[in-house]
Amino acid sequence: FVPATKCVALSKSDLPLKKMLYLYLRTAARQNTEVALLVVQALLNDCKDPDPTIRGLAVRSMASLRVPELIENAFQAVEAGLKDPHPYVREAAVMGVLKCFHQDPSASRLRGLLDSISQLLSTDTDPQVVADALYVAKELGALPGEGGTLPDRATIVSLLNHIRAFSDWAQCFVLDMVAQYQPDTEEERFDILEMLDFGLN
């Protein structure tokens, strides 16, 4: 275990090796909480690495530890990741919110993680981050609409205005959301159809 921990710090140029080491360290930490602190220190160091790929992998691994004693560290890594300038790290942090919520729902709410997801949903400039935020918000009942399970008009319009930038998977997810939305007027219904006109050709 100790050589593996040291290897994490030395494998900056070998991302496949670092991914494998992260997986090993996560598994070891779950099985032995006494060595988990060594894992946390290695991951926290990588959360501040200049390489966004390493930062994203570290945030993902921190959120995946599932060690109750380390949930505070996971929260810190995810919160920092949500504000990271690079979209890959924000993607990892958004999915990390879901993992943290499954571990400790009340603490996740108290720390405002669900509010952060809603904010990214409406303000982030990267389509994949927005798609992930939409998925997590739906899973956690944090959509800015009725009961947190259905999107409101502003969210629908924002998503449709950027739908062409989404991946195929994200487009399908957005369209599923649109199908559940009930327009208030016929005019609004036609506005939505007009925004979807690109897919009807």
N, C-alpha and C. Protein backbone atom coordinates (compact mmCIF):
# COMPACT_ATOMS: atom_id res chain seq x y z
N PHE A 1 0.82 -1.21 0.00
CA PHE A 1 0.00 0.00 0.00
C PHE A 1 0.86 1.27 0.00
N VAL A 2 1.88 1.29 0.85
CA VAL A 2 2.73 2.49 0.93
C VAL A 2 3.44 2.77 -0.40
N PRO A 3 4.03 1.75 -1.08
CA PRO A 3 4.62 2.02 -2.40
C PRO A 3 3.60 2.56 -3.40
N ALA A 4 2.36 2.05 -3.33
CA ALA A 4 1.32 2.55 -4.25
C ALA A 4 1.03 4.02 -3.98
N THR A 5 0.99 4.40 -2.70
CA THR A 5 0.75 5.79 -2.34
C THR A 5 1.87 6.69 -2.88
N LYS A 6 3.10 6.21 -2.75
CA LYS A 6 4.23 6.98 -3.26
C LYS A 6 4.20 7.06 -4.78
N CYS A 7 3.74 5.98 -5.41
CA CYS A 7 3.66 5.94 -6.88
C CYS A 7 2.69 7.00 -7.41
N VAL A 8 1.61 7.25 -6.67
CA VAL A 8 0.64 8.26 -7.10
C VAL A 8 1.33 9.60 -7.29
N ALA A 9 2.21 9.93 -6.35
CA ALA A 9 2.91 11.22 -6.42
C ALA A 9 3.94 11.26 -7.54
N LEU A 10 4.39 10.08 -7.98
CA LEU A 10 5.46 10.04 -8.97
C LEU A 10 4.96 9.76 -10.38
N SER A 11 3.66 9.53 -10.56
CA SER A 11 3.14 9.09 -11.86
C SER A 11 2.38 10.18 -12.59
N LYS A 12 2.83 11.41 -12.49
CA LYS A 12 2.11 12.55 -13.08
C LYS A 12 2.01 12.44 -14.60
N SER A 13 3.02 11.84 -15.24
CA SER A 13 3.02 11.79 -16.70
C SER A 13 2.36 10.52 -17.23
N ASP A 14 1.93 9.63 -16.35
CA ASP A 14 1.34 8.36 -16.77
C ASP A 14 -0.09 8.29 -16.24
N LEU A 15 -1.03 8.86 -16.99
CA LEU A 15 -2.41 8.94 -16.51
C LEU A 15 -3.08 7.58 -16.35
N PRO A 16 -2.88 6.62 -17.30
CA PRO A 16 -3.49 5.30 -17.08
C PRO A 16 -3.01 4.65 -15.77
N LEU A 17 -1.71 4.79 -15.47
CA LEU A 17 -1.19 4.24 -14.22
C LEU A 17 -1.82 4.95 -13.02
N LYS A 18 -1.97 6.28 -13.12
CA LYS A 18 -2.56 7.03 -12.02
C LYS A 18 -4.01 6.61 -11.79
N LYS A 19 -4.76 6.39 -12.87
CA LYS A 19 -6.15 5.92 -12.73
C LYS A 19 -6.19 4.58 -12.00
N MET A 20 -5.29 3.67 -12.38
CA MET A 20 -5.25 2.35 -11.76
C MET A 20 -4.88 2.46 -10.28
N LEU A 21 -3.92 3.33 -9.98
CA LEU A 21 -3.51 3.52 -8.59
C LEU A 21 -4.64 4.13 -7.76
N TYR A 22 -5.36 5.10 -8.34
CA TYR A 22 -6.50 5.69 -7.64
C TYR A 22 -7.53 4.61 -7.28
N LEU A 23 -7.81 3.73 -8.22
CA LEU A 23 -8.78 2.66 -7.99
C LEU A 23 -8.30 1.77 -6.85
N TYR A 24 -7.02 1.43 -6.88
CA TYR A 24 -6.46 0.59 -5.81
C TYR A 24 -6.54 1.29 -4.46
N LEU A 25 -6.17 2.56 -4.42
CA LEU A 25 -6.18 3.30 -3.16
C LEU A 25 -7.59 3.46 -2.60
N ARG A 26 -8.57 3.69 -3.49
CA ARG A 26 -9.96 3.80 -3.03
C ARG A 26 -10.41 2.50 -2.38
N THR A 27 -10.08 1.39 -3.03
CA THR A 27 -10.47 0.08 -2.50
C THR A 27 -9.79 -0.18 -1.16
N ALA A 28 -8.51 0.13 -1.07
CA ALA A 28 -7.77 -0.08 0.17
C ALA A 28 -8.32 0.79 1.30
N ALA A 29 -8.69 2.01 0.97
CA ALA A 29 -9.22 2.93 1.99
C ALA A 29 -10.54 2.43 2.55
N ARG A 30 -11.39 1.86 1.71
CA ARG A 30 -12.67 1.35 2.18
C ARG A 30 -12.48 0.15 3.10
N GLN A 31 -11.45 -0.64 2.84
CA GLN A 31 -11.23 -1.86 3.61
C GLN A 31 -10.48 -1.60 4.91
N ASN A 32 -9.74 -0.48 4.98
CA ASN A 32 -8.94 -0.21 6.16
C ASN A 32 -8.91 1.30 6.40
N THR A 33 -9.75 1.74 7.33
CA THR A 33 -9.85 3.18 7.57
C THR A 33 -8.58 3.76 8.18
N GLU A 34 -7.75 2.90 8.76
CA GLU A 34 -6.51 3.40 9.37
C GLU A 34 -5.54 3.93 8.32
N VAL A 35 -5.56 3.34 7.13
CA VAL A 35 -4.66 3.80 6.07
C VAL A 35 -5.33 4.84 5.18
N ALA A 36 -6.62 5.08 5.43
CA ALA A 36 -7.37 6.00 4.57
C ALA A 36 -6.80 7.41 4.59
N LEU A 37 -6.24 7.83 5.71
CA LEU A 37 -5.68 9.19 5.80
C LEU A 37 -4.54 9.38 4.82
N LEU A 38 -3.75 8.34 4.58
CA LEU A 38 -2.67 8.43 3.59
C LEU A 38 -3.25 8.65 2.20
N VAL A 39 -4.35 7.97 1.92
CA VAL A 39 -5.01 8.11 0.62
C VAL A 39 -5.51 9.55 0.45
N VAL A 40 -6.15 10.07 1.49
CA VAL A 40 -6.71 11.41 1.41
C VAL A 40 -5.64 12.44 1.12
N GLN A 41 -4.51 12.33 1.79
CA GLN A 41 -3.46 13.31 1.59
C GLN A 41 -2.95 13.29 0.15
N ALA A 42 -2.78 12.08 -0.40
CA ALA A 42 -2.32 11.95 -1.79
C ALA A 42 -3.34 12.55 -2.75
N LEU A 43 -4.63 12.29 -2.50
CA LEU A 43 -5.68 12.81 -3.39
C LEU A 43 -5.85 14.32 -3.26
N LEU A 44 -5.77 14.83 -2.02
CA LEU A 44 -5.89 16.27 -1.83
C LEU A 44 -4.76 17.02 -2.53
N ASN A 45 -3.57 16.44 -2.50
CA ASN A 45 -2.45 17.05 -3.22
C ASN A 45 -2.74 17.11 -4.71
N ASP A 46 -3.30 16.02 -5.25
CA ASP A 46 -3.59 15.97 -6.68
C ASP A 46 -4.78 16.86 -7.06
N CYS A 47 -5.65 17.16 -6.10
CA CYS A 47 -6.76 18.09 -6.37
C CYS A 47 -6.26 19.49 -6.69
N LYS A 48 -5.00 19.78 -6.34
CA LYS A 48 -4.41 21.09 -6.61
C LYS A 48 -3.37 21.03 -7.72
N ASP A 49 -3.31 19.92 -8.44
CA ASP A 49 -2.30 19.75 -9.49
C ASP A 49 -2.57 20.73 -10.64
N PRO A 50 -1.52 21.21 -11.30
CA PRO A 50 -1.72 22.11 -12.46
C PRO A 50 -2.45 21.45 -13.62
N ASP A 51 -2.36 20.14 -13.74
CA ASP A 51 -3.01 19.41 -14.85
C ASP A 51 -4.48 19.18 -14.51
N PRO A 52 -5.42 19.72 -15.31
CA PRO A 52 -6.84 19.57 -15.00
C PRO A 52 -7.31 18.11 -15.03
N THR A 53 -6.65 17.28 -15.85
CA THR A 53 -7.05 15.87 -15.89
C THR A 53 -6.75 15.20 -14.55
N ILE A 54 -5.60 15.50 -13.99
CA ILE A 54 -5.25 14.93 -12.69
C ILE A 54 -6.18 15.49 -11.61
N ARG A 55 -6.47 16.78 -11.67
CA ARG A 55 -7.41 17.36 -10.69
C ARG A 55 -8.77 16.68 -10.77
N GLY A 56 -9.24 16.48 -11.98
CA GLY A 56 -10.55 15.85 -12.15
C GLY A 56 -10.56 14.41 -11.64
N LEU A 57 -9.51 13.66 -11.93
CA LEU A 57 -9.42 12.28 -11.44
C LEU A 57 -9.37 12.24 -9.92
N ALA A 58 -8.64 13.19 -9.33
CA ALA A 58 -8.53 13.23 -7.87
C ALA A 58 -9.88 13.56 -7.23
N VAL A 59 -10.59 14.53 -7.79
CA VAL A 59 -11.92 14.88 -7.27
C VAL A 59 -12.87 13.69 -7.38
N ARG A 60 -12.84 13.02 -8.52
CA ARG A 60 -13.70 11.85 -8.71
C ARG A 60 -13.37 10.77 -7.68
N SER A 61 -12.09 10.55 -7.45
CA SER A 61 -11.67 9.53 -6.49
C SER A 61 -12.04 9.91 -5.06
N MET A 62 -11.89 11.18 -4.70
CA MET A 62 -12.26 11.63 -3.37
C MET A 62 -13.75 11.39 -3.11
N ALA A 63 -14.57 11.71 -4.09
CA ALA A 63 -16.02 11.53 -3.93
C ALA A 63 -16.41 10.06 -3.90
N SER A 64 -15.54 9.19 -4.41
CA SER A 64 -15.85 7.76 -4.49
C SER A 64 -15.30 6.96 -3.31
N LEU A 65 -14.64 7.62 -2.37
CA LEU A 65 -14.03 6.88 -1.26
C LEU A 65 -15.06 6.12 -0.42
N ARG A 66 -16.18 6.75 -0.13
CA ARG A 66 -17.25 6.15 0.68
C ARG A 66 -16.75 5.69 2.04
N VAL A 67 -15.91 6.51 2.64
CA VAL A 67 -15.45 6.26 4.01
C VAL A 67 -16.07 7.35 4.88
N PRO A 68 -17.00 6.99 5.79
CA PRO A 68 -17.72 8.03 6.56
C PRO A 68 -16.81 9.03 7.25
N GLU A 69 -15.66 8.56 7.74
CA GLU A 69 -14.76 9.45 8.46
C GLU A 69 -14.12 10.49 7.54
N LEU A 70 -14.19 10.27 6.23
CA LEU A 70 -13.51 11.15 5.28
C LEU A 70 -14.48 11.98 4.45
N ILE A 71 -15.76 11.96 4.82
CA ILE A 71 -16.75 12.67 4.01
C ILE A 71 -16.47 14.17 3.97
N GLU A 72 -15.94 14.72 5.06
CA GLU A 72 -15.63 16.15 5.09
C GLU A 72 -14.59 16.50 4.02
N ASN A 73 -13.58 15.64 3.87
CA ASN A 73 -12.56 15.85 2.83
C ASN A 73 -13.17 15.75 1.44
N ALA A 74 -14.10 14.80 1.28
CA ALA A 74 -14.77 14.65 -0.02
C ALA A 74 -15.57 15.91 -0.35
N PHE A 75 -16.28 16.44 0.65
CA PHE A 75 -17.04 17.68 0.44
C PHE A 75 -16.12 18.81 -0.02
N GLN A 76 -14.98 18.95 0.64
CA GLN A 76 -14.06 20.03 0.30
C GLN A 76 -13.55 19.90 -1.13
N ALA A 77 -13.21 18.67 -1.53
CA ALA A 77 -12.71 18.44 -2.89
C ALA A 77 -13.79 18.75 -3.93
N VAL A 78 -15.01 18.32 -3.65
CA VAL A 78 -16.11 18.53 -4.60
C VAL A 78 -16.45 20.02 -4.70
N GLU A 79 -16.50 20.71 -3.56
CA GLU A 79 -16.81 22.14 -3.57
C GLU A 79 -15.78 22.93 -4.37
N ALA A 80 -14.51 22.59 -4.18
CA ALA A 80 -13.45 23.27 -4.94
C ALA A 80 -13.57 22.92 -6.42
N GLY A 81 -13.90 21.67 -6.72
CA GLY A 81 -14.04 21.24 -8.11
C GLY A 81 -15.17 21.93 -8.84
N LEU A 82 -16.25 22.23 -8.14
CA LEU A 82 -17.39 22.92 -8.77
C LEU A 82 -17.02 24.33 -9.22
N LYS A 83 -15.98 24.90 -8.60
CA LYS A 83 -15.54 26.26 -8.96
C LYS A 83 -14.30 26.25 -9.84
N ASP A 84 -13.85 25.08 -10.23
CA ASP A 84 -12.61 24.98 -11.02
C ASP A 84 -12.79 25.64 -12.39
N PRO A 85 -11.75 26.28 -12.92
CA PRO A 85 -11.87 26.93 -14.23
C PRO A 85 -11.97 25.95 -15.40
N HIS A 86 -11.58 24.68 -15.17
CA HIS A 86 -11.58 23.72 -16.28
C HIS A 86 -12.85 22.86 -16.24
N PRO A 87 -13.52 22.69 -17.40
CA PRO A 87 -14.78 21.95 -17.41
C PRO A 87 -14.65 20.48 -17.02
N TYR A 88 -13.51 19.85 -17.31
CA TYR A 88 -13.35 18.43 -16.95
C TYR A 88 -13.43 18.26 -15.43
N VAL A 89 -12.83 19.18 -14.71
CA VAL A 89 -12.86 19.10 -13.24
C VAL A 89 -14.27 19.37 -12.73
N ARG A 90 -14.95 20.33 -13.35
CA ARG A 90 -16.33 20.63 -12.93
C ARG A 90 -17.24 19.44 -13.20
N GLU A 91 -17.03 18.77 -14.32
CA GLU A 91 -17.81 17.56 -14.61
C GLU A 91 -17.65 16.53 -13.50
N ALA A 92 -16.39 16.27 -13.14
CA ALA A 92 -16.11 15.30 -12.08
C ALA A 92 -16.76 15.72 -10.77
N ALA A 93 -16.70 17.02 -10.46
CA ALA A 93 -17.27 17.53 -9.22
C ALA A 93 -18.80 17.42 -9.22
N VAL A 94 -19.41 17.68 -10.37
CA VAL A 94 -20.88 17.57 -10.45
C VAL A 94 -21.33 16.15 -10.14
N MET A 95 -20.66 15.17 -10.74
CA MET A 95 -21.00 13.79 -10.45
C MET A 95 -20.62 13.43 -9.01
N GLY A 96 -19.59 14.11 -8.49
CA GLY A 96 -19.21 13.91 -7.10
C GLY A 96 -20.29 14.35 -6.13
N VAL A 97 -21.06 15.37 -6.51
CA VAL A 97 -22.18 15.82 -5.67
C VAL A 97 -23.17 14.68 -5.47
N LEU A 98 -23.45 13.95 -6.54
CA LEU A 98 -24.38 12.82 -6.46
C LEU A 98 -23.85 11.76 -5.49
N LYS A 99 -22.54 11.47 -5.59
CA LYS A 99 -21.94 10.47 -4.70
C LYS A 99 -21.94 10.94 -3.25
N CYS A 100 -21.62 12.21 -3.04
CA CYS A 100 -21.64 12.75 -1.67
C CYS A 100 -23.05 12.74 -1.10
N PHE A 101 -24.03 13.06 -1.93
CA PHE A 101 -25.42 13.07 -1.47
C PHE A 101 -25.86 11.68 -1.03
N HIS A 102 -25.44 10.66 -1.76
CA HIS A 102 -25.80 9.29 -1.39
C HIS A 102 -25.16 8.89 -0.07
N GLN A 103 -24.00 9.48 0.24
CA GLN A 103 -23.33 9.17 1.50
C GLN A 103 -23.93 9.95 2.67
N ASP A 104 -24.24 11.23 2.44
CA ASP A 104 -24.73 12.07 3.53
C ASP A 104 -25.67 13.15 2.97
N PRO A 105 -26.94 12.81 2.77
CA PRO A 105 -27.88 13.77 2.16
C PRO A 105 -28.04 15.06 2.95
N SER A 106 -28.17 14.98 4.27
CA SER A 106 -28.42 16.18 5.05
C SER A 106 -27.23 17.14 5.01
N ALA A 107 -26.01 16.60 5.11
CA ALA A 107 -24.82 17.46 5.04
C ALA A 107 -24.68 18.07 3.66
N SER A 108 -25.03 17.32 2.63
CA SER A 108 -24.95 17.83 1.26
C SER A 108 -25.88 19.02 1.08
N ARG A 109 -27.08 18.93 1.66
CA ARG A 109 -28.02 20.05 1.58
C ARG A 109 -27.51 21.25 2.38
N LEU A 110 -27.01 20.98 3.58
CA LEU A 110 -26.53 22.07 4.44
C LEU A 110 -25.37 22.82 3.80
N ARG A 111 -24.55 22.12 3.07
CA ARG A 111 -23.38 22.76 2.44
C ARG A 111 -23.76 23.47 1.13
N GLY A 112 -25.01 23.35 0.72
CA GLY A 112 -25.48 24.05 -0.47
C GLY A 112 -25.05 23.40 -1.77
N LEU A 113 -24.75 22.10 -1.75
CA LEU A 113 -24.29 21.44 -2.98
C LEU A 113 -25.40 21.39 -4.03
N LEU A 114 -26.64 21.20 -3.59
CA LEU A 114 -27.74 21.16 -4.54
C LEU A 114 -27.96 22.52 -5.18
N ASP A 115 -27.78 23.58 -4.39
CA ASP A 115 -27.89 24.93 -4.94
C ASP A 115 -26.79 25.19 -5.97
N SER A 116 -25.60 24.67 -5.69
CA SER A 116 -24.48 24.83 -6.63
C SER A 116 -24.78 24.15 -7.95
N ILE A 117 -25.43 22.98 -7.89
CA ILE A 117 -25.80 22.26 -9.11
C ILE A 117 -26.81 23.07 -9.91
N SER A 118 -27.80 23.63 -9.23
CA SER A 118 -28.81 24.44 -9.92
C SER A 118 -28.18 25.67 -10.57
N GLN A 119 -27.20 26.24 -9.91
CA GLN A 119 -26.52 27.41 -10.45
C GLN A 119 -25.72 27.04 -11.70
N LEU A 120 -25.00 25.93 -11.64
CA LEU A 120 -24.24 25.49 -12.82
C LEU A 120 -25.18 25.20 -13.98
N LEU A 121 -26.34 24.67 -13.67
CA LEU A 121 -27.31 24.32 -14.70
C LEU A 121 -27.71 25.54 -15.52
N SER A 122 -27.74 26.69 -14.89
CA SER A 122 -28.19 27.89 -15.60
C SER A 122 -27.05 28.82 -16.02
N THR A 123 -25.84 28.62 -15.47
CA THR A 123 -24.78 29.58 -15.76
C THR A 123 -23.54 29.01 -16.42
N ASP A 124 -23.33 27.69 -16.34
CA ASP A 124 -22.07 27.14 -16.87
C ASP A 124 -22.04 27.24 -18.39
N THR A 125 -20.86 27.48 -18.94
CA THR A 125 -20.71 27.66 -20.39
C THR A 125 -20.36 26.37 -21.12
N ASP A 126 -20.04 25.31 -20.38
CA ASP A 126 -19.67 24.05 -21.02
C ASP A 126 -20.90 23.13 -21.12
N PRO A 127 -21.24 22.67 -22.33
CA PRO A 127 -22.47 21.86 -22.48
C PRO A 127 -22.45 20.55 -21.71
N GLN A 128 -21.28 19.91 -21.58
CA GLN A 128 -21.22 18.64 -20.86
C GLN A 128 -21.43 18.85 -19.37
N VAL A 129 -20.88 19.93 -18.84
CA VAL A 129 -21.11 20.25 -17.42
C VAL A 129 -22.60 20.50 -17.18
N VAL A 130 -23.23 21.23 -18.09
CA VAL A 130 -24.66 21.51 -17.96
C VAL A 130 -25.47 20.21 -18.04
N ALA A 131 -25.09 19.32 -18.97
CA ALA A 131 -25.80 18.05 -19.11
C ALA A 131 -25.66 17.22 -17.83
N ASP A 132 -24.46 17.16 -17.28
CA ASP A 132 -24.26 16.40 -16.04
C ASP A 132 -25.03 17.03 -14.89
N ALA A 133 -25.03 18.37 -14.84
CA ALA A 133 -25.76 19.06 -13.78
C ALA A 133 -27.26 18.78 -13.91
N LEU A 134 -27.76 18.73 -15.13
CA LEU A 134 -29.18 18.41 -15.36
C LEU A 134 -29.51 17.02 -14.84
N TYR A 135 -28.63 16.05 -15.15
CA TYR A 135 -28.84 14.68 -14.70
C TYR A 135 -28.85 14.59 -13.17
N VAL A 136 -27.84 15.22 -12.55
CA VAL A 136 -27.74 15.16 -11.08
C VAL A 136 -28.92 15.88 -10.43
N ALA A 137 -29.29 17.04 -10.97
CA ALA A 137 -30.43 17.78 -10.42
C ALA A 137 -31.71 16.96 -10.49
N LYS A 138 -31.90 16.26 -11.60
CA LYS A 138 -33.09 15.43 -11.75
C LYS A 138 -33.06 14.26 -10.76
N GLU A 139 -31.90 13.63 -10.63
CA GLU A 139 -31.76 12.50 -9.71
C GLU A 139 -32.02 12.89 -8.27
N LEU A 140 -31.63 14.11 -7.91
CA LEU A 140 -31.74 14.54 -6.51
C LEU A 140 -32.98 15.40 -6.26
N GLY A 141 -33.83 15.55 -7.27
CA GLY A 141 -35.03 16.37 -7.09
C GLY A 141 -34.71 17.82 -6.85
N ALA A 142 -33.67 18.31 -7.56
CA ALA A 142 -33.22 19.69 -7.34
C ALA A 142 -33.40 20.57 -8.57
N LEU A 143 -34.25 20.15 -9.49
CA LEU A 143 -34.53 21.00 -10.65
C LEU A 143 -35.29 22.24 -10.21
N PRO A 144 -35.01 23.39 -10.84
CA PRO A 144 -35.66 24.64 -10.43
C PRO A 144 -37.09 24.75 -10.96
N GLY A 145 -37.88 23.72 -10.75
CA GLY A 145 -39.27 23.75 -11.19
C GLY A 145 -40.16 23.14 -10.13
N GLU A 146 -41.31 22.65 -10.54
CA GLU A 146 -42.31 22.13 -9.62
C GLU A 146 -41.79 20.92 -8.85
N GLY A 147 -41.68 21.04 -7.55
CA GLY A 147 -41.25 19.93 -6.71
C GLY A 147 -39.82 19.50 -6.91
N GLY A 148 -39.07 20.22 -7.73
CA GLY A 148 -37.68 19.85 -7.97
C GLY A 148 -37.50 18.66 -8.90
N THR A 149 -38.61 18.16 -9.46
CA THR A 149 -38.52 16.99 -10.35
C THR A 149 -38.79 17.33 -11.80
N LEU A 150 -39.43 18.49 -12.04
CA LEU A 150 -39.70 18.93 -13.40
C LEU A 150 -39.08 20.32 -13.61
N PRO A 151 -38.50 20.56 -14.78
CA PRO A 151 -37.86 21.86 -15.01
C PRO A 151 -38.87 22.97 -15.20
N ASP A 152 -38.45 24.19 -14.87
CA ASP A 152 -39.32 25.34 -15.12
C ASP A 152 -39.08 25.89 -16.52
N ARG A 153 -39.84 26.92 -16.90
CA ARG A 153 -39.76 27.46 -18.26
C ARG A 153 -38.38 28.01 -18.57
N ALA A 154 -37.80 28.75 -17.62
CA ALA A 154 -36.49 29.35 -17.87
C ALA A 154 -35.43 28.28 -18.14
N THR A 155 -35.49 27.17 -17.41
CA THR A 155 -34.54 26.08 -17.61
C THR A 155 -34.73 25.43 -18.97
N ILE A 156 -35.99 25.20 -19.35
CA ILE A 156 -36.28 24.59 -20.65
C ILE A 156 -35.77 25.46 -21.78
N VAL A 157 -36.05 26.75 -21.71
CA VAL A 157 -35.61 27.67 -22.77
C VAL A 157 -34.09 27.70 -22.85
N SER A 158 -33.42 27.75 -21.70
CA SER A 158 -31.96 27.77 -21.69
C SER A 158 -31.39 26.51 -22.30
N LEU A 159 -31.94 25.36 -21.94
CA LEU A 159 -31.46 24.09 -22.47
C LEU A 159 -31.68 23.99 -23.98
N LEU A 160 -32.85 24.41 -24.43
CA LEU A 160 -33.15 24.31 -25.86
C LEU A 160 -32.31 25.28 -26.69
N ASN A 161 -31.99 26.43 -26.11
CA ASN A 161 -31.15 27.39 -26.83
C ASN A 161 -29.75 26.85 -27.08
N HIS A 162 -29.32 25.88 -26.28
CA HIS A 162 -27.96 25.33 -26.40
C HIS A 162 -27.96 23.86 -26.79
N ILE A 163 -29.10 23.33 -27.20
CA ILE A 163 -29.21 21.89 -27.39
C ILE A 163 -28.27 21.35 -28.48
N ARG A 164 -27.98 22.16 -29.48
CA ARG A 164 -27.11 21.67 -30.56
C ARG A 164 -25.67 21.45 -30.10
N ALA A 165 -25.29 22.09 -29.01
CA ALA A 165 -23.93 21.93 -28.49
C ALA A 165 -23.80 20.67 -27.62
N PHE A 166 -24.92 20.07 -27.23
CA PHE A 166 -24.88 18.90 -26.37
C PHE A 166 -24.49 17.65 -27.15
N SER A 167 -23.99 16.65 -26.43
CA SER A 167 -23.73 15.34 -27.03
C SER A 167 -25.07 14.68 -27.35
N ASP A 168 -25.03 13.58 -28.10
CA ASP A 168 -26.27 12.87 -28.45
C ASP A 168 -27.00 12.42 -27.19
N TRP A 169 -26.22 11.90 -26.23
CA TRP A 169 -26.84 11.45 -24.97
C TRP A 169 -27.51 12.61 -24.27
N ALA A 170 -26.83 13.74 -24.19
CA ALA A 170 -27.38 14.90 -23.49
C ALA A 170 -28.61 15.44 -24.22
N GLN A 171 -28.59 15.43 -25.56
CA GLN A 171 -29.76 15.88 -26.32
C GLN A 171 -30.98 15.02 -25.99
N CYS A 172 -30.77 13.70 -25.93
CA CYS A 172 -31.88 12.80 -25.59
C CYS A 172 -32.41 13.09 -24.19
N PHE A 173 -31.50 13.37 -23.27
CA PHE A 173 -31.90 13.66 -21.89
C PHE A 173 -32.69 14.96 -21.83
N VAL A 174 -32.23 15.98 -22.57
CA VAL A 174 -32.93 17.27 -22.60
C VAL A 174 -34.31 17.10 -23.22
N LEU A 175 -34.39 16.34 -24.31
CA LEU A 175 -35.68 16.14 -24.96
C LEU A 175 -36.66 15.39 -24.06
N ASP A 176 -36.14 14.48 -23.24
CA ASP A 176 -36.99 13.79 -22.28
C ASP A 176 -37.56 14.79 -21.26
N MET A 177 -36.71 15.75 -20.85
CA MET A 177 -37.17 16.80 -19.94
C MET A 177 -38.25 17.65 -20.60
N VAL A 178 -38.01 18.02 -21.87
CA VAL A 178 -38.97 18.85 -22.61
C VAL A 178 -40.31 18.14 -22.74
N ALA A 179 -40.26 16.82 -22.96
CA ALA A 179 -41.50 16.05 -23.12
C ALA A 179 -42.34 16.07 -21.84
N GLN A 180 -41.71 16.24 -20.69
CA GLN A 180 -42.44 16.27 -19.42
C GLN A 180 -42.95 17.66 -19.06
N TYR A 181 -42.44 18.66 -19.79
CA TYR A 181 -42.82 20.05 -19.47
C TYR A 181 -44.17 20.39 -20.10
N GLN A 182 -45.01 21.06 -19.33
CA GLN A 182 -46.33 21.46 -19.81
C GLN A 182 -46.37 22.97 -20.05
N PRO A 183 -46.37 23.42 -21.31
CA PRO A 183 -46.43 24.87 -21.60
C PRO A 183 -47.74 25.47 -21.09
N ASP A 184 -47.66 26.73 -20.69
CA ASP A 184 -48.84 27.40 -20.16
C ASP A 184 -49.80 27.85 -21.27
N THR A 185 -49.24 28.16 -22.45
CA THR A 185 -50.07 28.67 -23.55
C THR A 185 -49.68 27.98 -24.85
N GLU A 186 -50.56 28.11 -25.84
CA GLU A 186 -50.26 27.57 -27.17
C GLU A 186 -49.08 28.29 -27.79
N GLU A 187 -48.96 29.59 -27.49
CA GLU A 187 -47.85 30.37 -28.04
C GLU A 187 -46.52 29.82 -27.52
N GLU A 188 -46.50 29.50 -26.24
CA GLU A 188 -45.28 28.93 -25.66
C GLU A 188 -44.98 27.57 -26.28
N ARG A 189 -46.02 26.78 -26.53
CA ARG A 189 -45.84 25.46 -27.16
C ARG A 189 -45.20 25.60 -28.54
N PHE A 190 -45.67 26.57 -29.31
CA PHE A 190 -45.11 26.79 -30.65
C PHE A 190 -43.69 27.33 -30.58
N ASP A 191 -43.41 28.14 -29.56
CA ASP A 191 -42.03 28.62 -29.38
C ASP A 191 -41.07 27.46 -29.15
N ILE A 192 -41.49 26.50 -28.35
CA ILE A 192 -40.66 25.32 -28.08
C ILE A 192 -40.47 24.50 -29.34
N LEU A 193 -41.54 24.32 -30.10
CA LEU A 193 -41.44 23.57 -31.36
C LEU A 193 -40.50 24.27 -32.34
N GLU A 194 -40.55 25.58 -32.33
CA GLU A 194 -39.66 26.33 -33.23
C GLU A 194 -38.19 26.13 -32.85
N MET A 195 -37.92 26.07 -31.53
CA MET A 195 -36.54 25.82 -31.09
C MET A 195 -36.08 24.41 -31.44
N LEU A 196 -37.04 23.50 -31.60
CA LEU A 196 -36.72 22.11 -31.93
C LEU A 196 -36.74 21.85 -33.43
N ASP A 197 -36.96 22.90 -34.20
CA ASP A 197 -37.11 22.76 -35.65
C ASP A 197 -35.90 22.12 -36.30
N PHE A 198 -34.70 22.33 -35.74
CA PHE A 198 -33.48 21.78 -36.36
C PHE A 198 -33.52 20.25 -36.41
N GLY A 199 -34.24 19.63 -35.47
CA GLY A 199 -34.26 18.17 -35.42
C GLY A 199 -35.38 17.55 -36.21
N LEU A 200 -36.21 18.37 -36.84
CA LEU A 200 -37.35 17.85 -37.57
C LEU A 200 -37.09 17.76 -39.07
N ASN A 201 -35.91 18.19 -39.50
CA ASN A 201 -35.59 18.17 -40.93
C ASN A 201 -35.14 16.78 -41.36
